[in-house]
Every structure is written in C-alpha cells, then in structure tokens.
Amino acid sequence: MLAEPLWAVKRARHPHAGMRWYRWGVVKKVLLFTMEGNADGEAALAFFQSRGAAVDVRDVGRDPEASAEVFRLAGRLAVPAIVIDERVFLGFGGHRDEIEALVRE
C-alpha cells in the first residue's frame, strides 16, 4: 500500500482545503444565479469580481437546470440568488453588508 504524501495529508486537514488561493489570501467561491439584463445581478457580479472572488455565474433564463437548482435551494425562483458557504441570499442590494462580511472572511 502506498502512503499519501505528507503535503496531501496536511492539505486534507487544512480548514481551507479545496479553496483557491489568491495573492492576498483565500478566494471565496460564489455561485451567482441571475439572468441577462438583471441590474441587481450585474451589480453583484461586479462586486464579487472587484473583490477577487471566484464567481460561477448561471443564467436561469437560458439554463433550465439552473432554474431548477434555484427553486430547490430557495423554494422559489428569484434572481439574483447568491450562494456563499452554503448560505443562500435572494437579492443583492438588501444583503450587501452581510455578503461583504462573508467574502472578507
């Protein structure tokens, strides 16, 4: 049986395992459900990009699977829907302070 390299064992136990690193620290992974022309969704995308977050954007207007996932997560279809650390936010402007605190962690 081959032993795992020590760096792999340490990485698996590290609290930031699986996260991407950026020059100044850990990059948060953000899942953004929006649709073309949604001003709040565009503001959210610009916000996350300016803070170096890794954003996965899904267009609910063009992707039925994305629509179904938002409905599964939130119980209704709303855009933008933002998922950070398994927390779901419906809308951006009203939750901006809380979202900013999560992105900074």
N, C-alpha and C. Protein backbone atom coordinates (compact mmCIF):
# COMPACT_ATOMS: atom_id res chain seq x y z
N MET A 1 0.84 -1.18 0.00
CA MET A 1 0.00 0.00 0.00
C MET A 1 0.88 1.24 0.00
N LEU A 2 0.58 2.18 -0.86
CA LEU A 2 1.34 3.41 -0.93
C LEU A 2 0.80 4.42 0.07
N ALA A 3 1.71 5.10 0.74
CA ALA A 3 1.30 6.14 1.69
C ALA A 3 1.07 7.44 0.94
N GLU A 4 0.15 8.24 1.44
CA GLU A 4 -0.09 9.55 0.84
C GLU A 4 1.07 10.47 1.19
N PRO A 5 1.44 11.35 0.28
CA PRO A 5 2.48 12.32 0.62
C PRO A 5 2.01 13.20 1.77
N LEU A 6 2.95 13.65 2.57
CA LEU A 6 2.64 14.45 3.75
C LEU A 6 1.88 15.72 3.38
N TRP A 7 2.23 16.35 2.25
CA TRP A 7 1.53 17.58 1.87
C TRP A 7 0.06 17.31 1.59
N ALA A 8 -0.26 16.12 1.07
CA ALA A 8 -1.66 15.79 0.79
C ALA A 8 -2.45 15.58 2.08
N VAL A 9 -1.83 14.98 3.06
CA VAL A 9 -2.48 14.78 4.35
C VAL A 9 -2.72 16.11 5.03
N LYS A 10 -1.72 16.98 5.02
CA LYS A 10 -1.88 18.30 5.64
C LYS A 10 -2.95 19.11 4.93
N ARG A 11 -2.99 19.04 3.60
CA ARG A 11 -3.98 19.80 2.84
C ARG A 11 -5.39 19.31 3.17
N ALA A 12 -5.58 18.01 3.32
CA ALA A 12 -6.90 17.46 3.61
C ALA A 12 -7.41 17.94 4.96
N ARG A 13 -6.52 18.18 5.91
CA ARG A 13 -6.93 18.63 7.24
C ARG A 13 -7.00 20.13 7.35
N HIS A 14 -6.49 20.82 6.38
CA HIS A 14 -6.45 22.28 6.43
C HIS A 14 -7.86 22.84 6.32
N PRO A 15 -8.20 23.87 7.14
CA PRO A 15 -9.57 24.40 7.09
C PRO A 15 -9.95 25.02 5.76
N HIS A 16 -8.98 25.37 4.94
CA HIS A 16 -9.27 25.98 3.64
C HIS A 16 -9.06 24.98 2.50
N ALA A 17 -9.10 23.69 2.82
CA ALA A 17 -8.91 22.67 1.79
C ALA A 17 -9.97 22.83 0.71
N GLY A 18 -9.56 22.78 -0.53
CA GLY A 18 -10.48 22.91 -1.64
C GLY A 18 -10.75 24.33 -2.08
N MET A 19 -10.23 25.31 -1.37
CA MET A 19 -10.42 26.70 -1.75
C MET A 19 -9.25 27.15 -2.62
N ARG A 20 -9.50 28.10 -3.47
CA ARG A 20 -8.45 28.64 -4.30
C ARG A 20 -7.74 29.75 -3.54
N TRP A 21 -6.47 29.90 -3.78
CA TRP A 21 -5.69 30.94 -3.12
C TRP A 21 -5.39 32.05 -4.10
N TYR A 22 -5.40 33.24 -3.61
CA TYR A 22 -5.13 34.43 -4.39
C TYR A 22 -3.91 35.07 -3.77
N ARG A 23 -3.33 36.03 -4.40
CA ARG A 23 -2.11 36.64 -3.92
C ARG A 23 -2.23 37.15 -2.48
N TRP A 24 -3.40 37.62 -2.09
CA TRP A 24 -3.57 38.18 -0.75
C TRP A 24 -4.27 37.25 0.21
N GLY A 25 -4.59 36.05 -0.18
CA GLY A 25 -5.26 35.13 0.73
C GLY A 25 -6.22 34.20 0.00
N VAL A 26 -7.18 33.70 0.74
CA VAL A 26 -8.14 32.73 0.22
C VAL A 26 -9.18 33.43 -0.65
N VAL A 27 -9.52 32.79 -1.73
CA VAL A 27 -10.55 33.31 -2.63
C VAL A 27 -11.85 32.57 -2.32
N LYS A 28 -12.90 33.32 -2.04
CA LYS A 28 -14.20 32.72 -1.79
C LYS A 28 -14.82 32.25 -3.09
N LYS A 29 -15.50 31.12 -3.03
CA LYS A 29 -16.24 30.62 -4.18
C LYS A 29 -17.68 31.08 -4.04
N VAL A 30 -18.18 31.70 -5.08
CA VAL A 30 -19.52 32.26 -5.09
C VAL A 30 -20.29 31.67 -6.27
N LEU A 31 -21.51 31.27 -6.01
CA LEU A 31 -22.40 30.79 -7.05
C LEU A 31 -23.47 31.86 -7.22
N LEU A 32 -23.55 32.43 -8.41
CA LEU A 32 -24.47 33.53 -8.70
C LEU A 32 -25.46 33.09 -9.77
N PHE A 33 -26.74 33.04 -9.39
CA PHE A 33 -27.82 32.75 -10.33
C PHE A 33 -28.44 34.08 -10.72
N THR A 34 -28.45 34.39 -11.99
CA THR A 34 -29.03 35.63 -12.47
C THR A 34 -29.57 35.41 -13.86
N MET A 35 -29.97 36.48 -14.51
CA MET A 35 -30.39 36.39 -15.90
C MET A 35 -29.99 37.67 -16.62
N GLU A 36 -29.91 37.58 -17.91
CA GLU A 36 -29.49 38.71 -18.73
C GLU A 36 -30.39 39.92 -18.47
N GLY A 37 -29.76 41.08 -18.28
CA GLY A 37 -30.50 42.31 -18.08
C GLY A 37 -30.90 42.58 -16.64
N ASN A 38 -30.56 41.70 -15.70
CA ASN A 38 -30.91 41.91 -14.30
C ASN A 38 -29.87 42.81 -13.66
N ALA A 39 -30.26 44.05 -13.34
CA ALA A 39 -29.32 45.05 -12.82
C ALA A 39 -28.71 44.64 -11.49
N ASP A 40 -29.51 44.05 -10.61
CA ASP A 40 -29.00 43.63 -9.30
C ASP A 40 -27.97 42.50 -9.47
N GLY A 41 -28.22 41.61 -10.41
CA GLY A 41 -27.28 40.53 -10.69
C GLY A 41 -25.97 41.05 -11.28
N GLU A 42 -26.07 42.04 -12.15
CA GLU A 42 -24.87 42.64 -12.73
C GLU A 42 -24.06 43.38 -11.67
N ALA A 43 -24.75 44.04 -10.74
CA ALA A 43 -24.07 44.72 -9.64
C ALA A 43 -23.36 43.71 -8.74
N ALA A 44 -24.02 42.59 -8.49
CA ALA A 44 -23.42 41.54 -7.66
C ALA A 44 -22.17 40.97 -8.33
N LEU A 45 -22.25 40.72 -9.63
CA LEU A 45 -21.10 40.18 -10.36
C LEU A 45 -19.92 41.16 -10.30
N ALA A 46 -20.18 42.43 -10.53
CA ALA A 46 -19.11 43.44 -10.47
C ALA A 46 -18.52 43.51 -9.07
N PHE A 47 -19.35 43.41 -8.05
CA PHE A 47 -18.91 43.43 -6.65
C PHE A 47 -17.96 42.28 -6.38
N PHE A 48 -18.35 41.06 -6.75
CA PHE A 48 -17.52 39.88 -6.49
C PHE A 48 -16.22 39.93 -7.28
N GLN A 49 -16.28 40.34 -8.52
CA GLN A 49 -15.08 40.42 -9.34
C GLN A 49 -14.10 41.45 -8.78
N SER A 50 -14.61 42.56 -8.27
CA SER A 50 -13.72 43.59 -7.72
C SER A 50 -13.04 43.13 -6.44
N ARG A 51 -13.60 42.12 -5.79
CA ARG A 51 -13.00 41.61 -4.56
C ARG A 51 -12.24 40.30 -4.77
N GLY A 52 -12.10 39.89 -6.01
CA GLY A 52 -11.29 38.72 -6.34
C GLY A 52 -11.95 37.39 -6.04
N ALA A 53 -13.26 37.37 -5.86
CA ALA A 53 -13.97 36.11 -5.60
C ALA A 53 -14.06 35.28 -6.88
N ALA A 54 -14.06 33.98 -6.71
CA ALA A 54 -14.24 33.06 -7.84
C ALA A 54 -15.74 32.89 -8.05
N VAL A 55 -16.28 33.49 -9.11
CA VAL A 55 -17.72 33.52 -9.34
C VAL A 55 -18.11 32.55 -10.45
N ASP A 56 -19.05 31.68 -10.13
CA ASP A 56 -19.65 30.80 -11.13
C ASP A 56 -21.03 31.38 -11.42
N VAL A 57 -21.21 31.95 -12.61
CA VAL A 57 -22.46 32.61 -12.99
C VAL A 57 -23.32 31.64 -13.78
N ARG A 58 -24.59 31.51 -13.36
CA ARG A 58 -25.53 30.65 -14.07
C ARG A 58 -26.75 31.47 -14.47
N ASP A 59 -27.08 31.42 -15.73
CA ASP A 59 -28.19 32.20 -16.29
C ASP A 59 -29.47 31.37 -16.22
N VAL A 60 -30.38 31.75 -15.32
CA VAL A 60 -31.62 30.98 -15.17
C VAL A 60 -32.57 31.17 -16.35
N GLY A 61 -32.35 32.21 -17.13
CA GLY A 61 -33.19 32.45 -18.30
C GLY A 61 -32.87 31.52 -19.46
N ARG A 62 -31.65 31.02 -19.49
CA ARG A 62 -31.21 30.16 -20.59
C ARG A 62 -30.95 28.72 -20.17
N ASP A 63 -30.81 28.50 -18.87
CA ASP A 63 -30.45 27.17 -18.38
C ASP A 63 -31.54 26.63 -17.45
N PRO A 64 -32.37 25.70 -17.93
CA PRO A 64 -33.44 25.17 -17.09
C PRO A 64 -32.93 24.47 -15.84
N GLU A 65 -31.75 23.87 -15.92
CA GLU A 65 -31.17 23.21 -14.74
C GLU A 65 -30.83 24.23 -13.66
N ALA A 66 -30.36 25.41 -14.07
CA ALA A 66 -30.06 26.48 -13.11
C ALA A 66 -31.34 26.96 -12.45
N SER A 67 -32.41 27.09 -13.21
CA SER A 67 -33.71 27.48 -12.65
C SER A 67 -34.18 26.47 -11.61
N ALA A 68 -34.05 25.20 -11.94
CA ALA A 68 -34.47 24.14 -11.02
C ALA A 68 -33.62 24.16 -9.75
N GLU A 69 -32.33 24.44 -9.89
CA GLU A 69 -31.45 24.48 -8.72
C GLU A 69 -31.80 25.64 -7.80
N VAL A 70 -32.10 26.81 -8.37
CA VAL A 70 -32.53 27.95 -7.54
C VAL A 70 -33.82 27.59 -6.81
N PHE A 71 -34.75 26.98 -7.50
CA PHE A 71 -36.01 26.59 -6.88
C PHE A 71 -35.77 25.59 -5.75
N ARG A 72 -34.86 24.66 -5.96
CA ARG A 72 -34.54 23.66 -4.93
C ARG A 72 -33.89 24.33 -3.72
N LEU A 73 -32.98 25.28 -3.95
CA LEU A 73 -32.27 25.94 -2.86
C LEU A 73 -33.16 26.92 -2.08
N ALA A 74 -34.02 27.66 -2.80
CA ALA A 74 -34.74 28.76 -2.17
C ALA A 74 -36.25 28.51 -2.04
N GLY A 75 -36.77 27.51 -2.72
CA GLY A 75 -38.19 27.26 -2.65
C GLY A 75 -38.99 28.12 -3.62
N ARG A 76 -38.32 28.99 -4.33
CA ARG A 76 -38.95 29.82 -5.35
C ARG A 76 -37.87 30.32 -6.30
N LEU A 77 -38.30 30.81 -7.44
CA LEU A 77 -37.35 31.34 -8.41
C LEU A 77 -37.18 32.83 -8.16
N ALA A 78 -35.97 33.24 -7.84
CA ALA A 78 -35.67 34.65 -7.61
C ALA A 78 -34.26 34.93 -8.10
N VAL A 79 -34.08 36.08 -8.74
CA VAL A 79 -32.74 36.46 -9.20
C VAL A 79 -32.44 37.88 -8.72
N PRO A 80 -31.21 38.16 -8.36
CA PRO A 80 -30.15 37.17 -8.27
C PRO A 80 -30.29 36.33 -7.00
N ALA A 81 -29.87 35.10 -7.10
CA ALA A 81 -29.73 34.21 -5.94
C ALA A 81 -28.24 33.95 -5.81
N ILE A 82 -27.73 34.14 -4.61
CA ILE A 82 -26.29 34.05 -4.37
C ILE A 82 -26.03 32.99 -3.31
N VAL A 83 -25.09 32.09 -3.59
CA VAL A 83 -24.74 31.04 -2.64
C VAL A 83 -23.27 31.21 -2.27
N ILE A 84 -23.03 31.42 -0.96
CA ILE A 84 -21.67 31.54 -0.42
C ILE A 84 -21.62 30.68 0.83
N ASP A 85 -20.66 29.79 0.91
CA ASP A 85 -20.52 28.91 2.08
C ASP A 85 -21.84 28.26 2.47
N GLU A 86 -22.59 27.76 1.49
CA GLU A 86 -23.87 27.09 1.70
C GLU A 86 -24.97 28.00 2.23
N ARG A 87 -24.75 29.30 2.25
CA ARG A 87 -25.78 30.27 2.62
C ARG A 87 -26.39 30.83 1.35
N VAL A 88 -27.69 30.95 1.32
CA VAL A 88 -28.40 31.41 0.13
C VAL A 88 -28.99 32.79 0.41
N PHE A 89 -28.70 33.73 -0.50
CA PHE A 89 -29.24 35.08 -0.42
C PHE A 89 -30.10 35.32 -1.65
N LEU A 90 -31.31 35.81 -1.44
CA LEU A 90 -32.18 36.18 -2.55
C LEU A 90 -32.12 37.69 -2.68
N GLY A 91 -31.51 38.16 -3.74
CA GLY A 91 -31.27 39.58 -3.93
C GLY A 91 -29.87 39.94 -3.47
N PHE A 92 -29.40 41.08 -3.93
CA PHE A 92 -28.04 41.51 -3.58
C PHE A 92 -28.03 42.77 -2.74
N GLY A 93 -28.72 43.81 -3.19
CA GLY A 93 -28.66 45.11 -2.53
C GLY A 93 -29.04 45.07 -1.06
N GLY A 94 -30.07 44.34 -0.71
CA GLY A 94 -30.52 44.27 0.68
C GLY A 94 -29.63 43.45 1.58
N HIS A 95 -28.77 42.63 0.99
CA HIS A 95 -27.89 41.75 1.78
C HIS A 95 -26.42 42.11 1.61
N ARG A 96 -26.14 43.24 1.00
CA ARG A 96 -24.77 43.58 0.63
C ARG A 96 -23.80 43.56 1.81
N ASP A 97 -24.18 44.12 2.95
CA ASP A 97 -23.27 44.16 4.10
C ASP A 97 -22.94 42.76 4.60
N GLU A 98 -23.94 41.90 4.68
CA GLU A 98 -23.73 40.54 5.14
C GLU A 98 -22.88 39.75 4.13
N ILE A 99 -23.14 39.96 2.85
CA ILE A 99 -22.37 39.29 1.81
C ILE A 99 -20.92 39.76 1.84
N GLU A 100 -20.73 41.06 2.01
CA GLU A 100 -19.37 41.58 2.06
C GLU A 100 -18.59 40.99 3.23
N ALA A 101 -19.24 40.82 4.38
CA ALA A 101 -18.57 40.22 5.53
C ALA A 101 -18.17 38.77 5.23
N LEU A 102 -19.02 38.02 4.53
CA LEU A 102 -18.68 36.64 4.18
C LEU A 102 -17.52 36.57 3.18
N VAL A 103 -17.50 37.49 2.25
CA VAL A 103 -16.43 37.50 1.24
C VAL A 103 -15.10 37.85 1.89
N ARG A 104 -15.12 38.70 2.90
CA ARG A 104 -13.88 39.12 3.58
C ARG A 104 -13.30 38.04 4.48
N GLU A 105 -14.12 37.10 4.96
CA GLU A 105 -13.64 36.07 5.90
C GLU A 105 -12.51 35.27 5.32
